[in-house]
Amino acid sequence: MPTRSKDSNKFSAGSAWMGDRVIPIAEASIPVTDWGLTRSDITYDVVPVRLGAFFRLDDYLDRFFVSMEKLSLNPKITKNEVKNALQNMVSVTELRDSYVSMVCSRGRPHIPGSRDPRDCINYFYAWCVPFIHVIKPEIAQKGATALVSTSALRIPDTSVDPTVKNYHWGDFNKSLIEAKSKNFETAFLLDQKGNITEGPGFNIFAVKDNTVLTPNTGVLKGITRKTVLEIAEHLNLKTGVREISKTEFFETDEVFIATSAGGITPIVKVDDRIYSNGQIGEITKRIATTYLEWISEPKFRTEIDYSLAINTQ
């Protein structure tokens, strides 16, 4: 069983699971010739740890394994083995709130010089760090701002499947640079037809006439997105999962984003459009409050056994 050394400080910044052992995050690395790096031939997923437990861990594991199957990746590991690896890895850090990533990379060909992806040795690794927020909490409390990017469109789903979590962030990074340079907190991307899709690391929601709307194409089927839709049903709100044009989007009443890295974050301004008079909308508040309540619901939690962090090497 992986264990923690007596010097716990080296794990305070996070840890990684590589080669069936837990190491400090600062010591984690992958080969420079790994196709996951050189070709972005890789998939990953991120599960949040909140208040000492994974939130909806099985949902994230299911999506991770579906992503590997879609990319023909097989690291020869089971869901239970991944779950145990994540448990051990987080345990040694003693982090009660953590950003936990599980990754499967194509790896390197076992036949030197081969350009056939099937010749690569796929492998699994994972890492965790203190909890990351897509939008800083102090900004989220007041409501963030977003820019609909004009410098980048979302990568077409016929080229890169958005339902497979991936590192193809060329469009996201370009939009973020544009947004930040214009003093917006983040960016929203359109597809080739002018419909709202998603942003860098989050799904987008809008509220119109007590109906919670979210795009259905060009987006990751986020677990937090799934949670929001379930919360809306719980609150007896109508939902709409469909195409949302930019024009319609600017005519809605409230906007918020949903992400594993921060939960529900209200957006009070998109481009020059001010929502809810610059205040957090009432439905957004109800959904965000319920989300925080659900984090503590036993049915969604997989408690972390911190006793695994024993003081032996």
Protein backbone atom coordinates (compact mmCIF):
# COMPACT_ATOMS: atom_id res chain seq x y z
CA MET A 1 0.00 0.00 0.00
CA PRO A 2 1.46 3.42 -0.93
CA THR A 3 2.51 5.38 2.12
CA ARG A 4 3.60 8.83 3.11
CA SER A 5 7.04 9.74 4.41
CA LYS A 6 7.54 11.42 7.78
CA ASP A 7 8.24 14.69 5.97
CA SER A 8 4.63 15.58 5.19
CA ASN A 9 5.60 19.05 3.87
CA LYS A 10 6.69 17.62 0.55
CA PHE A 11 3.08 16.54 -0.09
CA SER A 12 1.43 19.81 0.96
CA ALA A 13 1.49 21.11 -2.63
CA GLY A 14 -0.07 17.88 -3.92
CA SER A 15 0.84 14.37 -4.99
CA ALA A 16 0.86 12.14 -8.05
CA TRP A 17 0.22 8.45 -8.73
CA MET A 18 2.76 7.20 -11.23
CA GLY A 19 4.01 3.67 -11.73
CA ASP A 20 1.81 2.32 -8.91
CA ARG A 21 3.29 4.61 -6.29
CA VAL A 22 2.55 7.98 -4.74
CA ILE A 23 5.13 10.73 -5.15
CA PRO A 24 5.18 14.48 -4.41
CA ILE A 25 3.65 16.50 -7.24
CA ALA A 26 6.98 18.28 -7.80
CA GLU A 27 8.59 14.95 -8.73
CA ALA A 28 5.96 13.91 -11.28
CA SER A 29 6.91 13.83 -14.97
CA ILE A 30 6.16 12.13 -18.28
CA PRO A 31 8.59 11.25 -21.11
CA VAL A 32 9.22 14.03 -23.64
CA THR A 33 8.45 11.59 -26.47
CA ASP A 34 5.09 10.50 -25.01
CA TRP A 35 2.40 10.90 -27.68
CA GLY A 36 0.15 12.34 -24.99
CA LEU A 37 2.53 15.30 -25.00
CA THR A 38 3.69 15.44 -28.61
CA ARG A 39 0.30 14.73 -30.19
CA SER A 40 -2.16 15.58 -27.41
CA ASP A 41 -3.24 11.94 -27.73
CA ILE A 42 -4.55 11.74 -24.21
CA THR A 43 -7.71 11.91 -22.15
CA TYR A 44 -8.34 12.86 -18.57
CA ASP A 45 -11.03 13.65 -16.05
CA VAL A 46 -11.21 15.76 -12.93
CA VAL A 47 -13.15 14.86 -9.81
CA PRO A 48 -13.43 17.38 -6.97
CA VAL A 49 -12.71 16.56 -3.36
CA ARG A 50 -14.90 18.69 -1.11
CA LEU A 51 -15.00 18.52 2.68
CA GLY A 52 -12.96 15.33 2.78
CA ALA A 53 -14.85 13.32 0.17
CA PHE A 54 -15.00 12.83 -3.59
CA PHE A 55 -18.16 14.33 -5.09
CA ARG A 56 -19.94 12.00 -7.54
CA LEU A 57 -16.81 9.90 -8.01
CA ASP A 58 -18.57 7.06 -9.85
CA ASP A 59 -19.97 9.50 -12.43
CA TYR A 60 -16.50 10.84 -13.14
CA LEU A 61 -15.02 7.35 -13.34
CA ASP A 62 -17.74 6.26 -15.76
CA ARG A 63 -17.05 9.22 -18.04
CA PHE A 64 -13.29 8.65 -17.87
CA PHE A 65 -13.64 5.04 -18.96
CA VAL A 66 -16.02 5.99 -21.78
CA SER A 67 -13.47 8.57 -22.97
CA MET A 68 -10.71 5.96 -23.02
CA GLU A 69 -12.91 3.60 -24.99
CA LYS A 70 -13.76 6.29 -27.55
CA LEU A 71 -10.05 7.00 -28.07
CA SER A 72 -9.09 3.29 -28.17
CA LEU A 73 -6.97 3.67 -25.06
CA ASN A 74 -6.49 0.73 -22.73
CA PRO A 75 -4.13 1.20 -19.77
CA LYS A 76 -5.16 -2.21 -18.38
CA ILE A 77 -6.62 -0.84 -15.17
CA THR A 78 -10.03 -1.32 -13.60
CA LYS A 79 -12.37 1.27 -12.11
CA ASN A 80 -11.72 -0.08 -8.63
CA GLU A 81 -7.96 0.18 -9.17
CA VAL A 82 -8.34 3.80 -10.30
CA LYS A 83 -10.57 4.53 -7.31
CA ASN A 84 -7.99 3.03 -4.94
CA ALA A 85 -5.20 5.00 -6.59
CA LEU A 86 -7.11 8.26 -6.15
CA GLN A 87 -7.95 7.41 -2.54
CA ASN A 88 -4.32 6.68 -1.68
CA MET A 89 -3.01 9.70 -3.56
CA VAL A 90 -5.32 12.21 -1.87
CA SER A 91 -4.91 10.55 1.51
CA VAL A 92 -1.18 11.23 1.70
CA THR A 93 -1.72 14.95 1.05
CA GLU A 94 -4.38 15.18 3.79
CA LEU A 95 -6.15 17.74 1.58
CA ARG A 96 -9.83 18.11 2.46
CA ASP A 97 -10.53 20.13 -0.67
CA SER A 98 -8.63 19.09 -3.76
CA TYR A 99 -8.54 19.14 -7.56
CA VAL A 100 -7.96 15.53 -8.60
CA SER A 101 -7.04 14.56 -12.15
CA MET A 102 -6.98 11.03 -13.60
CA VAL A 103 -5.20 10.66 -16.93
CA CYS A 104 -4.64 8.08 -19.64
CA SER A 105 -1.96 8.78 -22.21
CA ARG A 106 -1.20 7.04 -25.51
CA GLY A 107 2.39 6.63 -24.36
CA ARG A 108 5.33 5.68 -26.59
CA PRO A 109 5.54 3.01 -29.32
CA HIS A 110 7.04 -0.28 -28.20
CA ILE A 111 8.34 -0.55 -31.77
CA PRO A 112 10.95 2.20 -32.31
CA GLY A 113 10.00 4.55 -35.13
CA SER A 114 6.43 3.25 -35.47
CA ARG A 115 3.79 5.83 -36.36
CA ASP A 116 0.90 3.47 -35.64
CA PRO A 117 -1.01 4.55 -32.50
CA ARG A 118 -1.84 0.91 -31.85
CA ASP A 119 1.86 0.25 -31.21
CA CYS A 120 1.94 2.58 -28.22
CA ILE A 121 1.89 1.40 -24.62
CA ASN A 122 -1.02 3.22 -22.99
CA TYR A 123 -0.69 4.05 -19.32
CA PHE A 124 -2.57 5.62 -16.43
CA TYR A 125 -1.43 8.27 -13.99
CA ALA A 126 -3.10 10.73 -11.67
CA TRP A 127 -2.34 13.85 -9.67
CA CYS A 128 -3.95 16.16 -7.15
CA VAL A 129 -3.34 19.67 -5.85
CA PRO A 130 -5.20 22.01 -3.49
CA PHE A 131 -8.65 22.87 -4.86
CA ILE A 132 -8.63 25.04 -7.98
CA HIS A 133 -11.34 27.57 -8.87
CA VAL A 134 -11.94 28.46 -12.52
CA ILE A 135 -13.12 31.84 -11.22
CA LYS A 136 -11.59 33.17 -8.00
CA PRO A 137 -14.08 32.90 -5.10
CA GLU A 138 -13.90 36.61 -4.29
CA ILE A 139 -14.91 37.42 -7.87
CA ALA A 140 -17.54 34.68 -8.02
CA GLN A 141 -19.25 36.07 -4.92
CA LYS A 142 -20.02 39.29 -6.78
CA GLY A 143 -20.51 37.74 -10.22
CA ALA A 144 -17.92 37.42 -12.96
CA THR A 145 -17.68 38.84 -16.48
CA ALA A 146 -17.25 37.03 -19.79
CA LEU A 147 -16.49 37.91 -23.39
CA VAL A 148 -17.98 36.06 -26.35
CA SER A 149 -14.82 35.40 -28.31
CA THR A 150 -14.41 36.83 -31.79
CA SER A 151 -10.86 35.50 -32.13
CA ALA A 152 -11.67 31.79 -31.88
CA LEU A 153 -14.57 29.44 -32.60
CA ARG A 154 -15.04 26.16 -30.75
CA ILE A 155 -13.20 23.26 -32.41
CA PRO A 156 -15.85 21.42 -34.49
CA ASP A 157 -17.07 18.23 -32.85
CA THR A 158 -16.47 16.45 -36.15
CA SER A 159 -12.75 17.11 -35.56
CA VAL A 160 -12.41 16.71 -31.79
CA ASP A 161 -15.18 15.03 -29.81
CA PRO A 162 -16.07 17.51 -27.02
CA THR A 163 -17.67 14.73 -24.95
CA VAL A 164 -14.18 13.25 -24.51
CA LYS A 165 -12.28 15.39 -22.03
CA ASN A 166 -9.07 16.43 -23.77
CA TYR A 167 -6.11 18.80 -23.85
CA HIS A 168 -6.96 20.43 -27.18
CA TRP A 169 -7.10 23.91 -25.68
CA GLY A 170 -5.93 25.97 -28.66
CA ASP A 171 -9.34 27.61 -29.08
CA PHE A 172 -9.83 28.07 -25.33
CA ASN A 173 -6.41 29.63 -24.77
CA LYS A 174 -6.82 32.01 -27.70
CA SER A 175 -10.20 33.14 -26.37
CA LEU A 176 -8.83 33.56 -22.85
CA ILE A 177 -6.00 35.78 -24.04
CA GLU A 178 -8.55 37.88 -25.91
CA ALA A 179 -10.87 38.11 -22.88
CA LYS A 180 -8.13 38.91 -20.37
CA SER A 181 -6.65 41.58 -22.63
CA LYS A 182 -10.05 43.30 -22.64
CA ASN A 183 -10.42 43.01 -18.86
CA PHE A 184 -13.00 40.21 -18.84
CA GLU A 185 -12.63 37.33 -16.42
CA THR A 186 -13.25 34.54 -18.91
CA ALA A 187 -14.51 33.70 -22.41
CA PHE A 188 -17.49 32.02 -24.07
CA LEU A 189 -17.07 30.34 -27.46
CA LEU A 190 -19.46 30.10 -30.40
CA ASP A 191 -19.66 27.26 -32.89
CA GLN A 192 -19.53 27.65 -36.68
CA LYS A 193 -23.29 28.36 -36.75
CA GLY A 194 -23.10 31.15 -34.19
CA ASN A 195 -24.47 29.15 -31.25
CA ILE A 196 -23.14 29.33 -27.71
CA THR A 197 -21.08 26.26 -26.75
CA GLU A 198 -18.85 26.29 -23.65
CA GLY A 199 -15.88 28.06 -22.10
CA PRO A 200 -12.40 27.13 -20.85
CA GLY A 201 -13.17 24.44 -18.32
CA PHE A 202 -16.88 25.00 -17.82
CA ASN A 203 -20.40 24.57 -19.18
CA ILE A 204 -22.64 27.58 -19.75
CA PHE A 205 -26.20 28.09 -18.53
CA ALA A 206 -28.78 30.81 -19.07
CA VAL A 207 -32.16 31.42 -17.44
CA LYS A 208 -35.19 32.74 -19.30
CA ASP A 209 -38.73 32.87 -17.89
CA ASN A 210 -37.83 30.40 -15.09
CA THR A 211 -36.39 27.93 -17.60
CA VAL A 212 -32.78 26.80 -17.21
CA LEU A 213 -31.11 26.53 -20.62
CA THR A 214 -27.80 24.96 -21.64
CA PRO A 215 -26.26 24.09 -25.05
CA ASN A 216 -26.43 20.52 -26.32
CA THR A 217 -23.73 20.58 -29.02
CA GLY A 218 -20.04 21.41 -28.97
CA VAL A 219 -19.86 20.79 -25.23
CA LEU A 220 -18.56 18.36 -22.65
CA LYS A 221 -21.35 16.57 -20.83
CA GLY A 222 -20.12 17.91 -17.53
CA ILE A 223 -20.90 16.17 -14.25
CA THR A 224 -21.56 19.56 -12.67
CA ARG A 225 -23.79 20.31 -15.69
CA LYS A 226 -25.65 17.07 -14.95
CA THR A 227 -25.96 18.11 -11.31
CA VAL A 228 -27.38 21.51 -12.27
CA LEU A 229 -30.05 19.90 -14.45
CA GLU A 230 -30.97 17.55 -11.59
CA ILE A 231 -31.11 20.49 -9.18
CA ALA A 232 -33.37 22.40 -11.56
CA GLU A 233 -35.76 19.46 -11.63
CA HIS A 234 -35.55 19.23 -7.83
CA LEU A 235 -36.52 22.93 -7.63
CA ASN A 236 -39.40 22.41 -10.08
CA LEU A 237 -37.76 24.54 -12.73
CA LYS A 238 -38.12 23.83 -16.43
CA THR A 239 -35.01 22.94 -18.41
CA GLY A 240 -33.98 23.17 -22.03
CA VAL A 241 -30.96 21.35 -23.46
CA ARG A 242 -30.68 22.61 -27.03
CA GLU A 243 -28.98 25.03 -29.39
CA ILE A 244 -28.84 28.60 -28.10
CA SER A 245 -28.02 31.31 -30.60
CA LYS A 246 -25.94 34.29 -29.56
CA THR A 247 -28.96 36.53 -30.15
CA GLU A 248 -31.20 34.45 -27.90
CA PHE A 249 -28.46 34.20 -25.29
CA PHE A 250 -28.28 37.97 -24.92
CA GLU A 251 -32.05 38.09 -24.40
CA THR A 252 -32.02 35.76 -21.38
CA ASP A 253 -32.42 36.92 -17.78
CA GLU A 254 -29.51 35.27 -15.96
CA VAL A 255 -26.24 33.56 -16.85
CA PHE A 256 -24.00 31.26 -14.85
CA ILE A 257 -21.33 28.63 -15.45
CA ALA A 258 -20.90 25.16 -13.98
CA THR A 259 -17.60 23.43 -13.39
CA SER A 260 -15.95 20.83 -11.16
CA ALA A 261 -13.39 23.52 -10.35
CA GLY A 262 -15.63 25.84 -8.38
CA GLY A 263 -19.20 24.63 -8.79
CA ILE A 264 -21.78 27.25 -9.79
CA THR A 265 -20.45 30.70 -10.67
CA PRO A 266 -22.75 33.60 -11.61
CA ILE A 267 -21.93 35.78 -14.61
CA VAL A 268 -23.30 39.31 -14.37
CA LYS A 269 -21.87 40.75 -17.59
CA VAL A 270 -21.27 39.26 -21.04
CA ASP A 271 -19.71 41.67 -23.53
CA ASP A 272 -21.67 44.90 -22.90
CA ARG A 273 -24.82 43.10 -21.72
CA ILE A 274 -25.53 43.48 -18.00
CA TYR A 275 -27.64 40.72 -16.42
CA SER A 276 -29.91 41.18 -13.37
CA ASN A 277 -28.78 44.78 -12.99
CA GLY A 278 -25.27 43.56 -12.28
CA GLN A 279 -26.47 41.38 -9.39
CA ILE A 280 -26.58 37.62 -9.00
CA GLY A 281 -29.91 36.33 -10.30
CA GLU A 282 -32.42 34.73 -7.94
CA ILE A 283 -32.57 31.39 -9.76
CA THR A 284 -28.79 31.27 -9.96
CA LYS A 285 -28.68 31.82 -6.18
CA ARG A 286 -31.13 28.98 -5.56
CA ILE A 287 -29.19 26.57 -7.76
CA ALA A 288 -25.83 27.57 -6.25
CA THR A 289 -27.16 27.18 -2.71
CA THR A 290 -28.62 23.77 -3.47
CA TYR A 291 -25.37 22.67 -5.10
CA LEU A 292 -23.46 23.48 -1.91
CA GLU A 293 -26.03 21.50 0.07
CA TRP A 294 -25.69 18.51 -2.25
CA ILE A 295 -21.92 18.43 -1.72
CA SER A 296 -22.67 17.24 1.81
CA GLU A 297 -25.28 14.68 0.74
CA PRO A 298 -24.04 11.16 1.61
CA LYS A 299 -25.45 9.69 -1.62
CA PHE A 300 -23.04 11.83 -3.66
CA ARG A 301 -19.99 11.41 -1.44
CA THR A 302 -17.16 8.87 -1.38
CA GLU A 303 -15.38 9.52 1.88
CA ILE A 304 -11.58 9.52 1.85
CA ASP A 305 -9.80 7.28 4.34
CA TYR A 306 -7.09 9.59 5.61
CA SER A 307 -5.73 6.84 7.86
CA LEU A 308 -3.95 5.58 4.73
CA ALA A 309 -1.50 8.46 5.26
CA ILE A 310 0.52 6.51 7.82
CA ASN A 311 3.88 7.84 8.91
CA THR A 312 6.09 5.15 7.40
CA GLN A 313 8.01 5.15 4.15
